Amino acid sequence: MTNLFIKRISSYLLGIFILVIFIIATLLFLGSISNYGVAERGTKYVIPENYSGWICVNYNSDAAPLLEDSDGFMVVNTIGQNMVRTSSPMLIGKSYDKFYNIIDNVLVIDEDLRIGGGITVNDEKSLTHMFWVSTGKIKKDYLKYINNNLKDKDKLCTGRWN
């Protein structure tokens, strides 16, 4: 009777051990893939305060300066420019963007900015990333400035709307 009891306990403990190993392996796997989509790099856009309009960046542009690097972010300063040209490559894959205004010579995160849609077009050498943002009512801006205008290239990258 004692041997049968020991065999059952051993079998039971082995089952628990296997279950614990399976749970640990599953948690390790889930932990590793949960960071898979986390971007570690991105772009800082410096834009005028209360800006609504197009942001356009032409990457891989010959003879244009490289974008500044700030803490792993490429810095795109759009102030005074409808089209920023750079010889830097465009970030491909997972990345994230931050938007800043310059207020009293200090970079401040733009809390009011809403990001609309956009497109990226390429020619043989460069990529142009175009998207629009709004600090006002995003749906109203879409209907007024974007709806039915994406087919007209002359209405893209026109800069500030307001």
Protein backbone atom coordinates (compact mmCIF):
# COMPACT_ATOMS: atom_id res chain seq x y z
CA MET A 1 0.00 0.00 0.00
CA THR A 2 2.85 2.37 0.78
CA ASN A 3 4.50 1.78 -2.62
CA LEU A 4 1.20 2.46 -4.41
CA PHE A 5 0.75 5.66 -2.38
CA ILE A 6 4.32 6.81 -3.18
CA LYS A 7 3.80 6.07 -6.90
CA ARG A 8 0.56 8.11 -6.96
CA ILE A 9 2.16 11.03 -5.08
CA SER A 10 5.20 10.89 -7.38
CA SER A 11 2.96 10.85 -10.45
CA TYR A 12 0.91 13.72 -9.03
CA LEU A 13 4.05 15.78 -8.25
CA LEU A 14 5.48 15.08 -11.69
CA GLY A 15 2.24 16.33 -13.26
CA ILE A 16 2.38 19.51 -11.17
CA PHE A 17 6.05 20.00 -12.08
CA ILE A 18 5.29 19.65 -15.80
CA LEU A 19 2.37 22.07 -15.47
CA VAL A 20 4.55 24.64 -13.68
CA ILE A 21 7.25 24.33 -16.37
CA PHE A 22 4.60 24.76 -19.08
CA ILE A 23 3.21 27.88 -17.35
CA ILE A 24 6.69 29.40 -16.95
CA ALA A 25 7.53 28.68 -20.60
CA THR A 26 4.23 30.24 -21.71
CA LEU A 27 4.83 33.37 -19.62
CA LEU A 28 8.36 33.73 -20.99
CA PHE A 29 7.07 33.37 -24.55
CA LEU A 30 4.27 35.90 -24.03
CA GLY A 31 6.71 38.30 -22.39
CA SER A 32 9.08 38.09 -25.33
CA ILE A 33 6.41 38.74 -27.95
CA SER A 34 4.75 41.52 -25.96
CA ASN A 35 7.83 43.67 -26.61
CA TYR A 36 7.95 42.68 -30.28
CA GLY A 37 5.79 45.58 -31.43
CA VAL A 38 7.27 48.20 -29.12
CA ALA A 39 9.09 50.83 -31.10
CA GLU A 40 12.41 52.04 -29.76
CA ARG A 41 12.87 54.86 -32.22
CA GLY A 42 10.84 57.48 -33.96
CA THR A 43 10.62 61.02 -35.22
CA LYS A 44 10.25 64.27 -33.33
CA TYR A 45 8.34 66.79 -35.40
CA VAL A 46 8.81 70.42 -34.43
CA ILE A 47 5.80 72.34 -35.72
CA PRO A 48 4.40 75.85 -35.26
CA GLU A 49 2.04 76.34 -32.34
CA ASN A 50 -1.66 75.77 -33.19
CA TYR A 51 -0.70 74.27 -36.54
CA SER A 52 -3.23 72.63 -38.82
CA GLY A 53 -2.05 71.52 -42.24
CA TRP A 54 0.31 69.24 -44.11
CA ILE A 55 3.60 67.90 -42.80
CA CYS A 56 5.78 66.67 -45.65
CA VAL A 57 9.25 65.15 -45.51
CA ASN A 58 11.29 64.10 -48.52
CA TYR A 59 13.79 61.43 -47.44
CA ASN A 60 16.95 60.27 -49.30
CA SER A 61 17.08 63.63 -51.04
CA ASP A 62 20.46 64.29 -52.69
CA ALA A 63 22.54 67.14 -51.25
CA ALA A 64 20.08 67.74 -48.40
CA PRO A 65 21.29 67.72 -44.78
CA LEU A 66 20.91 64.75 -42.47
CA LEU A 67 18.25 65.02 -39.79
CA GLU A 68 19.50 65.73 -36.29
CA ASP A 69 19.39 62.81 -33.84
CA SER A 70 17.97 63.48 -30.37
CA ASP A 71 17.79 60.56 -27.93
CA GLY A 72 17.24 58.07 -30.74
CA PHE A 73 14.68 60.26 -32.50
CA MET A 74 15.17 61.90 -35.87
CA VAL A 75 14.22 65.59 -35.54
CA VAL A 76 12.16 67.13 -38.35
CA ASN A 77 11.85 70.90 -37.95
CA THR A 78 8.90 72.00 -40.10
CA ILE A 79 8.84 75.65 -39.00
CA GLY A 80 8.91 77.84 -42.10
CA GLN A 81 8.91 74.90 -44.52
CA ASN A 82 6.13 73.20 -46.47
CA MET A 83 8.52 70.41 -47.49
CA VAL A 84 11.45 69.29 -45.37
CA ARG A 85 14.16 67.70 -47.51
CA THR A 86 16.76 65.41 -45.96
CA SER A 87 19.34 62.90 -47.07
CA SER A 88 18.40 60.77 -44.03
CA PRO A 89 16.57 57.53 -44.75
CA MET A 90 12.95 57.20 -43.69
CA LEU A 91 12.36 54.96 -40.68
CA ILE A 92 10.78 51.75 -41.90
CA GLY A 93 8.99 49.39 -39.54
CA LYS A 94 7.90 50.03 -35.98
CA SER A 95 8.50 53.61 -34.93
CA TYR A 96 6.60 56.28 -33.13
CA ASP A 97 6.31 60.01 -33.50
CA LYS A 98 6.21 62.91 -31.09
CA PHE A 99 5.04 66.41 -31.92
CA TYR A 100 6.47 69.55 -30.34
CA ASN A 101 6.01 73.31 -30.46
CA ILE A 102 8.68 75.85 -29.60
CA ILE A 103 7.35 78.14 -26.90
CA ASP A 104 9.75 80.71 -25.41
CA ASN A 105 12.67 78.82 -27.03
CA VAL A 106 11.71 75.58 -25.26
CA LEU A 107 10.43 72.38 -26.91
CA VAL A 108 6.98 71.60 -25.51
CA ILE A 109 4.90 68.53 -26.40
CA ASP A 110 1.85 69.54 -28.46
CA GLU A 111 -1.05 68.18 -26.40
CA ASP A 112 -3.79 69.50 -28.72
CA LEU A 113 -2.57 68.06 -32.02
CA ARG A 114 -4.65 65.41 -33.77
CA ILE A 115 -3.10 63.32 -36.53
CA GLY A 116 -5.03 62.75 -39.72
CA GLY A 117 -4.14 60.45 -42.56
CA GLY A 118 -1.50 60.60 -45.18
CA ILE A 119 0.41 58.88 -47.90
CA THR A 120 3.99 58.02 -48.78
CA VAL A 121 5.10 58.18 -52.39
CA ASN A 122 8.43 57.25 -53.86
CA ASP A 123 10.42 57.88 -56.98
CA GLU A 124 13.61 56.13 -57.99
CA LYS A 125 15.74 57.67 -55.22
CA SER A 126 13.58 59.25 -52.55
CA LEU A 127 10.47 58.78 -50.43
CA THR A 128 8.08 61.59 -49.58
CA HIS A 129 5.99 61.08 -46.48
CA MET A 130 2.96 63.38 -46.38
CA PHE A 131 0.36 63.53 -43.63
CA TRP A 132 -1.91 66.14 -42.17
CA VAL A 133 -2.50 67.26 -38.61
CA SER A 134 -5.08 69.43 -36.94
CA THR A 135 -5.32 71.40 -33.71
CA GLY A 136 -8.92 72.23 -34.45
CA LYS A 137 -11.82 69.99 -35.27
CA ILE A 138 -10.28 67.10 -37.18
CA LYS A 139 -13.49 66.06 -38.97
CA LYS A 140 -14.20 69.63 -40.08
CA ASP A 141 -10.62 70.01 -41.35
CA TYR A 142 -10.88 66.69 -43.18
CA LEU A 143 -14.08 67.71 -44.96
CA LYS A 144 -12.75 71.17 -45.84
CA TYR A 145 -9.15 70.43 -46.83
CA ILE A 146 -8.73 66.71 -47.47
CA ASN A 147 -11.94 65.13 -48.75
CA ASN A 148 -11.71 64.80 -52.55
CA ASN A 149 -8.35 66.63 -52.61
CA LEU A 150 -5.96 63.68 -52.27
CA LYS A 151 -6.06 63.06 -56.01
CA ASP A 152 -4.89 66.61 -56.73
CA LYS A 153 -1.13 66.65 -56.02
CA ASP A 154 -1.10 70.47 -56.09
CA LYS A 155 -3.19 70.46 -52.89
CA LEU A 156 -0.75 68.22 -51.02
CA CYS A 157 2.10 69.71 -49.00
CA THR A 158 0.63 73.19 -49.16
CA GLY A 159 1.56 73.89 -45.57
CA ARG A 160 -0.60 75.58 -42.98
CA TRP A 161 -4.37 75.85 -43.41
CA ASN A 162 -5.12 78.29 -40.63
